[in-house]
């Protein structure tokens, strides 16, 4: 009987750990509406750039919960600025990197 209870507890704990790990998996892409055209945020690229450190952006710049709404896109400009970690969002030639709809407007 102890064996059955131990086995049941082990399976339950492993199952709960698996569910918890799946809940923490970030979304692959997030699309933000914008006047300039929808912005597609590729989570994997940003996570790789930060060497897997979620705390580089969460919760300083962005909420980590999908239930909490984003307050603004100004967090983007923390890294996407002249002399920032990533390409500058202020350079008009970079607009299409985040706003593909701008490519059609530029033609």
PDB file of N, CA and C in Angstrom:
ATOM      1  N   UNK A   1       0.815  -1.196   0.000  1.00  0.00           N
ATOM      2  CA  UNK A   1       0.000   0.000   0.000  1.00  0.00           C
ATOM      3  C   UNK A   1       0.865   1.269   0.000  1.00  0.00           C
ATOM      4  N   UNK A   2       1.955   1.247   0.772  1.00  0.00           N
ATOM      5  CA  UNK A   2       2.860   2.398   0.797  1.00  0.00           C
ATOM      6  C   UNK A   2       3.434   2.663  -0.587  1.00  0.00           C
ATOM      7  N   UNK A   3       3.756   1.584  -1.266  1.00  0.00           N
ATOM      8  CA  UNK A   3       4.312   1.701  -2.612  1.00  0.00           C
ATOM      9  C   UNK A   3       3.326   2.409  -3.540  1.00  0.00           C
ATOM     10  N   UNK A   4       2.072   2.071  -3.465  1.00  0.00           N
ATOM     11  CA  UNK A   4       1.037   2.676  -4.306  1.00  0.00           C
ATOM     12  C   UNK A   4       0.893   4.160  -3.976  1.00  0.00           C
ATOM     13  N   UNK A   5       0.877   4.487  -2.700  1.00  0.00           N
ATOM     14  CA  UNK A   5       0.751   5.888  -2.284  1.00  0.00           C
ATOM     15  C   UNK A   5       1.978   6.681  -2.727  1.00  0.00           C
ATOM     16  N   UNK A   6       3.167   6.130  -2.553  1.00  0.00           N
ATOM     17  CA  UNK A   6       4.398   6.796  -2.974  1.00  0.00           C
ATOM     18  C   UNK A   6       4.410   7.005  -4.483  1.00  0.00           C
ATOM     19  N   UNK A   7       4.016   5.989  -5.218  1.00  0.00           N
ATOM     20  CA  UNK A   7       3.961   6.089  -6.678  1.00  0.00           C
ATOM     21  C   UNK A   7       2.947   7.156  -7.097  1.00  0.00           C
ATOM     22  N   UNK A   8       1.786   7.158  -6.479  1.00  0.00           N
ATOM     23  CA  UNK A   8       0.754   8.154  -6.786  1.00  0.00           C
ATOM     24  C   UNK A   8       1.266   9.569  -6.516  1.00  0.00           C
ATOM     25  N   UNK A   9       1.907   9.786  -5.382  1.00  0.00           N
ATOM     26  CA  UNK A   9       2.441  11.108  -5.017  1.00  0.00           C
ATOM     27  C   UNK A   9       3.522  11.545  -6.004  1.00  0.00           C
ATOM     28  N   UNK A  10       4.389  10.623  -6.383  1.00  0.00           N
ATOM     29  CA  UNK A  10       5.462  10.940  -7.321  1.00  0.00           C
ATOM     30  C   UNK A  10       4.890  11.355  -8.674  1.00  0.00           C
ATOM     31  N   UNK A  11       3.952  10.577  -9.172  1.00  0.00           N
ATOM     32  CA  UNK A  11       3.326  10.888 -10.463  1.00  0.00           C
ATOM     33  C   UNK A  11       2.604  12.234 -10.397  1.00  0.00           C
ATOM     34  N   UNK A  12       1.923  12.488  -9.304  1.00  0.00           N
ATOM     35  CA  UNK A  12       1.209  13.757  -9.132  1.00  0.00           C
ATOM     36  C   UNK A  12       2.173  14.933  -9.126  1.00  0.00           C
ATOM     37  N   UNK A  13       3.265  14.825  -8.378  1.00  0.00           N
ATOM     38  CA  UNK A  13       4.249  15.907  -8.309  1.00  0.00           C
ATOM     39  C   UNK A  13       4.919  16.152  -9.655  1.00  0.00           C
ATOM     40  N   UNK A  14       5.258  15.092 -10.361  1.00  0.00           N
ATOM     41  CA  UNK A  14       5.863  15.243 -11.687  1.00  0.00           C
ATOM     42  C   UNK A  14       4.870  15.909 -12.636  1.00  0.00           C
ATOM     43  N   UNK A  15       3.626  15.502 -12.573  1.00  0.00           N
ATOM     44  CA  UNK A  15       2.592  16.108 -13.407  1.00  0.00           C
ATOM     45  C   UNK A  15       2.408  17.588 -13.118  1.00  0.00           C
ATOM     46  N   UNK A  16       2.370  17.949 -11.846  1.00  0.00           N
ATOM     47  CA  UNK A  16       2.230  19.357 -11.475  1.00  0.00           C
ATOM     48  C   UNK A  16       3.434  20.173 -11.913  1.00  0.00           C
ATOM     49  N   UNK A  17       4.614  19.611 -11.775  1.00  0.00           N
ATOM     50  CA  UNK A  17       5.833  20.310 -12.207  1.00  0.00           C
ATOM     51  C   UNK A  17       5.817  20.528 -13.716  1.00  0.00           C
ATOM     52  N   UNK A  18       5.349  19.554 -14.455  1.00  0.00           N
ATOM     53  CA  UNK A  18       5.271  19.678 -15.907  1.00  0.00           C
ATOM     54  C   UNK A  18       4.286  20.763 -16.317  1.00  0.00           C
ATOM     55  N   UNK A  19       3.133  20.792 -15.672  1.00  0.00           N
ATOM     56  CA  UNK A  19       2.128  21.820 -15.966  1.00  0.00           C
ATOM     57  C   UNK A  19       2.678  23.195 -15.620  1.00  0.00           C
ATOM     58  N   UNK A  20       3.339  23.330 -14.494  1.00  0.00           N
ATOM     59  CA  UNK A  20       3.911  24.613 -14.086  1.00  0.00           C
ATOM     60  C   UNK A  20       4.963  25.072 -15.079  1.00  0.00           C
ATOM     61  N   UNK A  21       5.795  24.162 -15.577  1.00  0.00           N
ATOM     62  CA  UNK A  21       6.824  24.515 -16.550  1.00  0.00           C
ATOM     63  C   UNK A  21       6.193  24.970 -17.858  1.00  0.00           C
ATOM     64  N   UNK A  22       5.099  24.343 -18.269  1.00  0.00           N
ATOM     65  CA  UNK A  22       4.432  24.732 -19.501  1.00  0.00           C
ATOM     66  C   UNK A  22       3.806  26.109 -19.371  1.00  0.00           C
ATOM     67  N   UNK A  23       3.293  26.450 -18.207  1.00  0.00           N
ATOM     68  CA  UNK A  23       2.687  27.759 -17.991  1.00  0.00           C
ATOM     69  C   UNK A  23       3.714  28.874 -18.118  1.00  0.00           C
ATOM     70  N   UNK A  24       4.978  28.606 -17.822  1.00  0.00           N
ATOM     71  CA  UNK A  24       6.010  29.627 -17.851  1.00  0.00           C
ATOM     72  C   UNK A  24       6.657  29.777 -19.219  1.00  0.00           C
ATOM     73  N   UNK A  25       6.282  28.926 -20.168  1.00  0.00           N
ATOM     74  CA  UNK A  25       6.845  29.015 -21.508  1.00  0.00           C
ATOM     75  C   UNK A  25       6.335  30.297 -22.172  1.00  0.00           C
ATOM     76  N   UNK A  26       7.249  31.138 -22.659  1.00  0.00           N
ATOM     77  CA  UNK A  26       6.799  32.396 -23.262  1.00  0.00           C
ATOM     78  C   UNK A  26       6.137  32.168 -24.615  1.00  0.00           C
ATOM     79  N   UNK A  27       5.269  33.081 -24.999  1.00  0.00           N
ATOM     80  CA  UNK A  27       4.667  32.955 -26.327  1.00  0.00           C
ATOM     81  C   UNK A  27       5.743  33.121 -27.391  1.00  0.00           C
ATOM     82  N   UNK A  28       5.574  32.435 -28.514  1.00  0.00           N
ATOM     83  CA  UNK A  28       6.558  32.522 -29.597  1.00  0.00           C
ATOM     84  C   UNK A  28       6.614  33.940 -30.165  1.00  0.00           C
ATOM     85  N   UNK A  29       5.438  34.473 -30.466  1.00  0.00           N
ATOM     86  CA  UNK A  29       5.334  35.820 -31.030  1.00  0.00           C
ATOM     87  C   UNK A  29       4.189  36.547 -30.343  1.00  0.00           C
ATOM     88  N   UNK A  30       4.334  37.868 -30.268  1.00  0.00           N
ATOM     89  CA  UNK A  30       3.275  38.713 -29.749  1.00  0.00           C
ATOM     90  C   UNK A  30       3.058  39.805 -30.790  1.00  0.00           C
ATOM     91  N   UNK A  31       1.821  40.044 -31.178  1.00  0.00           N
ATOM     92  CA  UNK A  31       1.521  41.077 -32.158  1.00  0.00           C
ATOM     93  C   UNK A  31       0.853  42.242 -31.438  1.00  0.00           C
ATOM     94  N   UNK A  32       1.458  43.416 -31.575  1.00  0.00           N
ATOM     95  CA  UNK A  32       0.938  44.631 -30.960  1.00  0.00           C
ATOM     96  C   UNK A  32       0.300  45.493 -32.045  1.00  0.00           C
ATOM     97  N   UNK A  33      -0.927  45.964 -31.836  1.00  0.00           N
ATOM     98  CA  UNK A  33      -1.520  46.882 -32.818  1.00  0.00           C
ATOM     99  C   UNK A  33      -0.790  48.227 -32.761  1.00  0.00           C
ATOM    100  N   UNK A  34      -0.705  48.900 -33.901  1.00  0.00           N
ATOM    101  CA  UNK A  34      -0.008  50.178 -33.957  1.00  0.00           C
ATOM    102  C   UNK A  34      -0.518  50.986 -35.137  1.00  0.00           C
ATOM    103  N   UNK A  35      -0.447  52.305 -35.033  1.00  0.00           N
ATOM    104  CA  UNK A  35      -0.833  53.174 -36.141  1.00  0.00           C
ATOM    105  C   UNK A  35       0.077  52.954 -37.349  1.00  0.00           C
ATOM    106  N   UNK A  36       1.314  52.572 -37.091  1.00  0.00           N
ATOM    107  CA  UNK A  36       2.283  52.361 -38.163  1.00  0.00           C
ATOM    108  C   UNK A  36       2.173  50.973 -38.788  1.00  0.00           C
ATOM    109  N   UNK A  37       1.297  50.163 -38.290  1.00  0.00           N
ATOM    110  CA  UNK A  37       1.168  48.776 -38.745  1.00  0.00           C
ATOM    111  C   UNK A  37       1.490  47.864 -37.588  1.00  0.00           C
ATOM    112  N   UNK A  38       0.849  46.732 -37.540  1.00  0.00           N
ATOM    113  CA  UNK A  38       1.053  45.798 -36.428  1.00  0.00           C
ATOM    114  C   UNK A  38       2.528  45.478 -36.255  1.00  0.00           C
ATOM    115  N   UNK A  39       2.955  45.410 -35.009  1.00  0.00           N
ATOM    116  CA  UNK A  39       4.336  45.082 -34.671  1.00  0.00           C
ATOM    117  C   UNK A  39       4.377  43.646 -34.190  1.00  0.00           C
ATOM    118  N   UNK A  40       5.234  42.842 -34.804  1.00  0.00           N
ATOM    119  CA  UNK A  40       5.386  41.459 -34.376  1.00  0.00           C
ATOM    120  C   UNK A  40       6.649  41.353 -33.535  1.00  0.00           C
ATOM    121  N   UNK A  41       6.465  41.021 -32.286  1.00  0.00           N
ATOM    122  CA  UNK A  41       7.563  40.835 -31.341  1.00  0.00           C
ATOM    123  C   UNK A  41       7.914  39.357 -31.343  1.00  0.00           C
ATOM    124  N   UNK A  42       9.149  39.036 -31.721  1.00  0.00           N
ATOM    125  CA  UNK A  42       9.605  37.644 -31.750  1.00  0.00           C
ATOM    126  C   UNK A  42      10.335  37.373 -30.443  1.00  0.00           C
ATOM    127  N   UNK A  43       9.668  36.653 -29.567  1.00  0.00           N
ATOM    128  CA  UNK A  43      10.175  36.405 -28.219  1.00  0.00           C
ATOM    129  C   UNK A  43      11.527  35.686 -28.237  1.00  0.00           C
ATOM    130  N   UNK A  44      11.668  34.668 -29.083  1.00  0.00           N
ATOM    131  CA  UNK A  44      12.897  33.856 -29.112  1.00  0.00           C
ATOM    132  C   UNK A  44      14.120  34.709 -29.417  1.00  0.00           C
ATOM    133  N   UNK A  45      14.002  35.642 -30.342  1.00  0.00           N
ATOM    134  CA  UNK A  45      15.141  36.490 -30.704  1.00  0.00           C
ATOM    135  C   UNK A  45      15.568  37.363 -29.524  1.00  0.00           C
ATOM    136  N   UNK A  46      14.603  37.913 -28.824  1.00  0.00           N
ATOM    137  CA  UNK A  46      14.921  38.764 -27.674  1.00  0.00           C
ATOM    138  C   UNK A  46      15.470  37.938 -26.513  1.00  0.00           C
ATOM    139  N   UNK A  47      14.910  36.762 -26.304  1.00  0.00           N
ATOM    140  CA  UNK A  47      15.375  35.888 -25.232  1.00  0.00           C
ATOM    141  C   UNK A  47      16.817  35.438 -25.491  1.00  0.00           C
ATOM    142  N   UNK A  48      17.118  35.147 -26.746  1.00  0.00           N
ATOM    143  CA  UNK A  48      18.481  34.751 -27.106  1.00  0.00           C
ATOM    144  C   UNK A  48      19.452  35.913 -26.892  1.00  0.00           C
ATOM    145  N   UNK A  49      19.043  37.115 -27.294  1.00  0.00           N
ATOM    146  CA  UNK A  49      19.899  38.293 -27.138  1.00  0.00           C
ATOM    147  C   UNK A  49      20.229  38.538 -25.668  1.00  0.00           C
ATOM    148  N   UNK A  50      19.296  38.210 -24.788  1.00  0.00           N
ATOM    149  CA  UNK A  50      19.484  38.423 -23.349  1.00  0.00           C
ATOM    150  C   UNK A  50      19.993  37.167 -22.638  1.00  0.00           C
ATOM    151  N   UNK A  51      20.458  36.194 -23.403  1.00  0.00           N
ATOM    152  CA  UNK A  51      21.008  34.948 -22.855  1.00  0.00           C
ATOM    153  C   UNK A  51      20.043  34.254 -21.894  1.00  0.00           C
ATOM    154  N   UNK A  52      18.764  34.267 -22.254  1.00  0.00           N
ATOM    155  CA  UNK A  52      17.763  33.561 -21.458  1.00  0.00           C
ATOM    156  C   UNK A  52      17.365  34.253 -20.172  1.00  0.00           C
ATOM    157  N   UNK A  53      17.817  35.469 -19.964  1.00  0.00           N
ATOM    158  CA  UNK A  53      17.500  36.215 -18.741  1.00  0.00           C
ATOM    159  C   UNK A  53      16.190  36.977 -18.891  1.00  0.00           C
ATOM    160  N   UNK A  54      15.114  36.386 -18.437  1.00  0.00           N
ATOM    161  CA  UNK A  54      13.790  37.007 -18.536  1.00  0.00           C
ATOM    162  C   UNK A  54      13.733  38.322 -17.759  1.00  0.00           C
ATOM    163  N   UNK A  55      14.493  38.405 -16.666  1.00  0.00           N
ATOM    164  CA  UNK A  55      14.433  39.588 -15.801  1.00  0.00           C
ATOM    165  C   UNK A  55      15.037  40.823 -16.451  1.00  0.00           C
ATOM    166  N   UNK A  56      15.706  40.671 -17.606  1.00  0.00           N
ATOM    167  CA  UNK A  56      16.205  41.851 -18.318  1.00  0.00           C
ATOM    168  C   UNK A  56      15.049  42.767 -18.713  1.00  0.00           C
ATOM    169  N   UNK A  57      13.918  42.169 -19.044  1.00  0.00           N
ATOM    170  CA  UNK A  57      12.741  42.943 -19.460  1.00  0.00           C
ATOM    171  C   UNK A  57      11.583  42.834 -18.477  1.00  0.00           C
ATOM    172  N   UNK A  58      11.433  41.677 -17.860  1.00  0.00           N
ATOM    173  CA  UNK A  58      10.307  41.445 -16.944  1.00  0.00           C
ATOM    174  C   UNK A  58      10.767  41.599 -15.513  1.00  0.00           C
ATOM    175  N   UNK A  59      10.139  42.262 -14.732  1.00  0.00           N
ATOM    176  CA  UNK A  59       8.961  43.079 -14.826  1.00  0.00           C
ATOM    177  C   UNK A  59       9.324  44.555 -14.926  1.00  0.00           C
ATOM    178  N   UNK A  60      10.593  44.849 -15.201  1.00  0.00           N
ATOM    179  CA  UNK A  60      11.027  46.244 -15.294  1.00  0.00           C
ATOM    180  C   UNK A  60      10.338  46.981 -16.441  1.00  0.00           C
ATOM    181  N   UNK A  61      10.329  46.381 -17.624  1.00  0.00           N
ATOM    182  CA  UNK A  61       9.788  47.045 -18.802  1.00  0.00           C
ATOM    183  C   UNK A  61       8.409  46.539 -19.198  1.00  0.00           C
ATOM    184  N   UNK A  62       8.196  45.249 -19.032  1.00  0.00           N
ATOM    185  CA  UNK A  62       6.963  44.609 -19.482  1.00  0.00           C
ATOM    186  C   UNK A  62       6.430  43.693 -18.396  1.00  0.00           C
ATOM    187  N   UNK A  63       5.101  43.604 -18.266  1.00  0.00           N
ATOM    188  CA  UNK A  63       4.555  42.624 -17.335  1.00  0.00           C
ATOM    189  C   UNK A  63       4.804  41.223 -17.888  1.00  0.00           C
ATOM    190  N   UNK A  64       4.999  40.262 -17.027  1.00  0.00           N
ATOM    191  CA  UNK A  64       5.245  38.900 -17.483  1.00  0.00           C
ATOM    192  C   UNK A  64       3.953  38.114 -17.643  1.00  0.00           C
ATOM    193  N   UNK A  65       2.886  38.642 -17.155  1.00  0.00           N
ATOM    194  CA  UNK A  65       1.597  37.965 -17.226  1.00  0.00           C
ATOM    195  C   UNK A  65       0.802  38.464 -18.426  1.00  0.00           C
ATOM    196  N   UNK A  66       0.218  37.533 -19.171  1.00  0.00           N
ATOM    197  CA  UNK A  66      -0.629  37.934 -20.296  1.00  0.00           C
ATOM    198  C   UNK A  66      -1.941  38.529 -19.814  1.00  0.00           C
ATOM    199  N   UNK A  67      -2.257  38.317 -18.558  1.00  0.00           N
ATOM    200  CA  UNK A  67      -3.488  38.870 -17.998  1.00  0.00           C
ATOM    201  C   UNK A  67      -3.349  40.370 -17.732  1.00  0.00           C
ATOM    202  N   UNK A  68      -2.123  40.839 -17.548  1.00  0.00           N
ATOM    203  CA  UNK A  68      -1.880  42.257 -17.269  1.00  0.00           C
ATOM    204  C   UNK A  68      -1.633  42.995 -18.581  1.00  0.00           C
ATOM    205  N   UNK A  69      -2.400  44.051 -18.860  1.00  0.00           N
ATOM    206  CA  UNK A  69      -2.230  44.755 -20.141  1.00  0.00           C
ATOM    207  C   UNK A  69      -0.934  45.553 -20.197  1.00  0.00           C
ATOM    208  N   UNK A  70      -0.414  45.717 -21.410  1.00  0.00           N
ATOM    209  CA  UNK A  70       0.766  46.552 -21.607  1.00  0.00           C
ATOM    210  C   UNK A  70       0.368  48.008 -21.462  1.00  0.00           C
ATOM    211  N   UNK A  71       1.227  48.781 -20.862  1.00  0.00           N
ATOM    212  CA  UNK A  71       0.913  50.182 -20.631  1.00  0.00           C
ATOM    213  C   UNK A  71       1.288  51.050 -21.837  1.00  0.00           C
ATOM    214  N   UNK A  72       2.372  50.716 -22.509  1.00  0.00           N
ATOM    215  CA  UNK A  72       2.796  51.451 -23.702  1.00  0.00           C
ATOM    216  C   UNK A  72       3.906  50.669 -24.389  1.00  0.00           C
ATOM    217  N   UNK A  73       4.310  51.155 -25.540  1.00  0.00           N
ATOM    218  CA  UNK A  73       5.414  50.513 -26.253  1.00  0.00           C
ATOM    219  C   UNK A  73       6.744  51.175 -25.919  1.00  0.00           C
ATOM    220  N   UNK A  74       6.749  52.083 -24.960  1.00  0.00           N
ATOM    221  CA  UNK A  74       7.979  52.800 -24.634  1.00  0.00           C
ATOM    222  C   UNK A  74       9.077  51.865 -24.144  1.00  0.00           C
ATOM    223  N   UNK A  75       8.725  50.696 -23.649  1.00  0.00           N
ATOM    224  CA  UNK A  75       9.744  49.727 -23.248  1.00  0.00           C
ATOM    225  C   UNK A  75      10.638  49.344 -24.411  1.00  0.00           C
ATOM    226  N   UNK A  76      10.107  49.365 -25.623  1.00  0.00           N
ATOM    227  CA  UNK A  76      10.897  49.047 -26.820  1.00  0.00           C
ATOM    228  C   UNK A  76      12.073  50.008 -26.955  1.00  0.00           C
ATOM    229  N   UNK A  77      11.799  51.274 -26.658  1.00  0.00           N
ATOM    230  CA  UNK A  77      12.823  52.303 -26.848  1.00  0.00           C
ATOM    231  C   UNK A  77      13.927  52.250 -25.797  1.00  0.00           C
ATOM    232  N   UNK A  78      13.797  51.383 -24.825  1.00  0.00           N
ATOM    233  CA  UNK A  78      14.865  51.203 -23.847  1.00  0.00           C
ATOM    234  C   UNK A  78      16.098  50.613 -24.530  1.00  0.00           C
ATOM    235  N   UNK A  79      15.882  49.663 -25.436  1.00  0.00           N
ATOM    236  CA  UNK A  79      16.986  49.024 -26.171  1.00  0.00           C
ATOM    237  C   UNK A  79      17.084  49.499 -27.615  1.00  0.00           C
ATOM    238  N   UNK A  80      15.943  49.839 -28.211  1.00  0.00           N
ATOM    239  CA  UNK A  80      15.908  50.249 -29.615  1.00  0.00           C
ATOM    240  C   UNK A  80      16.024  51.765 -29.722  1.00  0.00           C
ATOM    241  N   UNK A  81      17.225  52.260 -29.417  1.00  0.00           N
ATOM    242  CA  UNK A  81      17.525  53.691 -29.472  1.00  0.00           C
ATOM    243  C   UNK A  81      18.960  53.849 -29.963  1.00  0.00           C
ATOM    244  N   UNK A  82      19.345  55.025 -30.389  1.00  0.00           N
ATOM    245  CA  UNK A  82      20.744  55.216 -30.787  1.00  0.00           C
ATOM    246  C   UNK A  82      21.661  54.825 -29.627  1.00  0.00           C
ATOM    247  N   UNK A  83      22.668  54.050 -29.928  1.00  0.00           N
ATOM    248  CA  UNK A  83      23.631  53.537 -28.935  1.00  0.00           C
ATOM    249  C   UNK A  83      22.991  52.619 -27.899  1.00  0.00           C
ATOM    250  N   UNK A  84      21.827  52.029 -28.223  1.00  0.00           N
ATOM    251  CA  UNK A  84      21.181  51.065 -27.337  1.00  0.00           C
ATOM    252  C   UNK A  84      21.685  49.662 -27.620  1.00  0.00           C
ATOM    253  N   UNK A  85      21.121  48.674 -26.956  1.00  0.00           N
ATOM    254  CA  UNK A  85      21.510  47.268 -27.138  1.00  0.00           C
ATOM    255  C   UNK A  85      21.162  46.742 -28.520  1.00  0.00           C
ATOM    256  N   UNK A  86      20.103  47.298 -29.129  1.00  0.00           N
ATOM    257  CA  UNK A  86      19.590  46.773 -30.396  1.00  0.00           C
ATOM    258  C   UNK A  86      19.503  47.911 -31.416  1.00  0.00           C
ATOM    259  N   UNK A  87      19.090  47.596 -32.633  1.00  0.00           N
ATOM    260  CA  UNK A  87      18.990  48.609 -33.683  1.00  0.00           C
ATOM    261  C   UNK A  87      18.089  49.752 -33.232  1.00  0.00           C
ATOM    262  N   UNK A  88      18.356  50.926 -33.745  1.00  0.00           N
ATOM    263  CA  UNK A  88      17.606  52.107 -33.343  1.00  0.00           C
ATOM    264  C   UNK A  88      16.257  52.173 -34.042  1.00  0.00           C
ATOM    265  N   UNK A  89      15.207  52.353 -33.263  1.00  0.00           N
ATOM    266  CA  UNK A  89      13.864  52.518 -33.812  1.00  0.00           C
ATOM    267  C   UNK A  89      13.702  53.913 -34.400  1.00  0.00           C
ATOM    268  N   UNK A  90      14.601  54.803 -34.084  1.00  0.00           N
ATOM    269  CA  UNK A  90      14.505  56.184 -34.589  1.00  0.00           C
ATOM    270  C   UNK A  90      15.053  56.319 -36.005  1.00  0.00           C
ATOM    271  N   UNK A  91      15.799  55.336 -36.467  1.00  0.00           N
ATOM    272  CA  UNK A  91      16.319  55.330 -37.830  1.00  0.00           C
ATOM    273  C   UNK A  91      15.208  54.831 -38.744  1.00  0.00           C
ATOM    274  N   UNK A  92      14.678  55.703 -39.608  1.00  0.00           N
ATOM    275  CA  UNK A  92      13.525  55.359 -40.454  1.00  0.00           C
ATOM    276  C   UNK A  92      13.759  54.104 -41.294  1.00  0.00           C
ATOM    277  N   UNK A  93      15.002  53.799 -41.637  1.00  0.00           N
ATOM    278  CA  UNK A  93      15.262  52.604 -42.452  1.00  0.00           C
ATOM    279  C   UNK A  93      14.977  51.318 -41.667  1.00  0.00           C
ATOM    280  N   UNK A  94      14.870  51.409 -40.372  1.00  0.00           N
ATOM    281  CA  UNK A  94      14.584  50.239 -39.535  1.00  0.00           C
ATOM    282  C   UNK A  94      13.098  50.028 -39.271  1.00  0.00           C
ATOM    283  N   UNK A  95      12.248  50.940 -39.711  1.00  0.00           N
ATOM    284  CA  UNK A  95      10.806  50.839 -39.406  1.00  0.00           C
ATOM    285  C   UNK A  95      10.226  49.493 -39.824  1.00  0.00           C
ATOM    286  N   UNK A  96      10.605  49.023 -41.006  1.00  0.00           N
ATOM    287  CA  UNK A  96      10.019  47.786 -41.536  1.00  0.00           C
ATOM    288  C   UNK A  96      10.447  46.548 -40.754  1.00  0.00           C
ATOM    289  N   UNK A  97      11.456  46.665 -39.925  1.00  0.00           N
ATOM    290  CA  UNK A  97      11.874  45.510 -39.113  1.00  0.00           C
ATOM    291  C   UNK A  97      10.816  45.148 -38.094  1.00  0.00           C
ATOM    292  N   UNK A  98      10.058  46.123 -37.627  1.00  0.00           N
ATOM    293  CA  UNK A  98       8.997  45.869 -36.652  1.00  0.00           C
ATOM    294  C   UNK A  98       7.606  46.105 -37.223  1.00  0.00           C
ATOM    295  N   UNK A  99       7.527  46.989 -38.203  1.00  0.00           N
ATOM    296  CA  UNK A  99       6.248  47.376 -38.802  1.00  0.00           C
ATOM    297  C   UNK A  99       6.272  47.022 -40.297  1.00  0.00           C
ATOM    298  N   UNK A 100       6.042  45.762 -40.651  1.00  0.00           N
ATOM    299  CA  UNK A 100       6.101  45.361 -42.074  1.00  0.00           C
ATOM    300  C   UNK A 100       5.138  46.138 -42.955  1.00  0.00           C
ATOM    301  N   UNK A 101       4.062  46.660 -42.400  1.00  0.00           N
ATOM    302  CA  UNK A 101       3.115  47.436 -43.195  1.00  0.00           C
ATOM    303  C   UNK A 101       3.757  48.717 -43.733  1.00  0.00           C
ATOM    304  N   UNK A 102       4.802  49.210 -43.033  1.00  0.00           N
ATOM    305  CA  UNK A 102       5.505  50.411 -43.489  1.00  0.00           C
ATOM    306  C   UNK A 102       6.226  50.168 -44.813  1.00  0.00           C
ATOM    307  N   UNK A 103       6.574  48.923 -45.111  1.00  0.00           N
ATOM    308  CA  UNK A 103       7.283  48.617 -46.348  1.00  0.00           C
ATOM    309  C   UNK A 103       6.430  49.018 -47.547  1.00  0.00           C
ATOM    310  N   UNK A 104       5.142  48.725 -47.493  1.00  0.00           N
ATOM    311  CA  UNK A 104       4.242  49.083 -48.587  1.00  0.00           C
ATOM    312  C   UNK A 104       4.087  50.585 -48.703  1.00  0.00           C
ATOM    313  N   UNK A 105       4.066  51.290 -47.569  1.00  0.00           N
ATOM    314  CA  UNK A 105       3.926  52.750 -47.584  1.00  0.00           C
ATOM    315  C   UNK A 105       5.165  53.421 -48.165  1.00  0.00           C
ATOM    316  N   UNK A 106       6.334  52.804 -47.951  1.00  0.00           N
ATOM    317  CA  UNK A 106       7.588  53.403 -48.390  1.00  0.00           C
ATOM    318  C   UNK A 106       7.760  53.323 -49.908  1.00  0.00           C
ATOM    319  N   UNK A 107       7.054  52.402 -50.564  1.00  0.00           N
ATOM    320  CA  UNK A 107       7.202  52.236 -52.021  1.00  0.00           C
ATOM    321  C   UNK A 107       6.437  53.267 -52.805  1.00  0.00           C
TER     322      UNK A 107
END
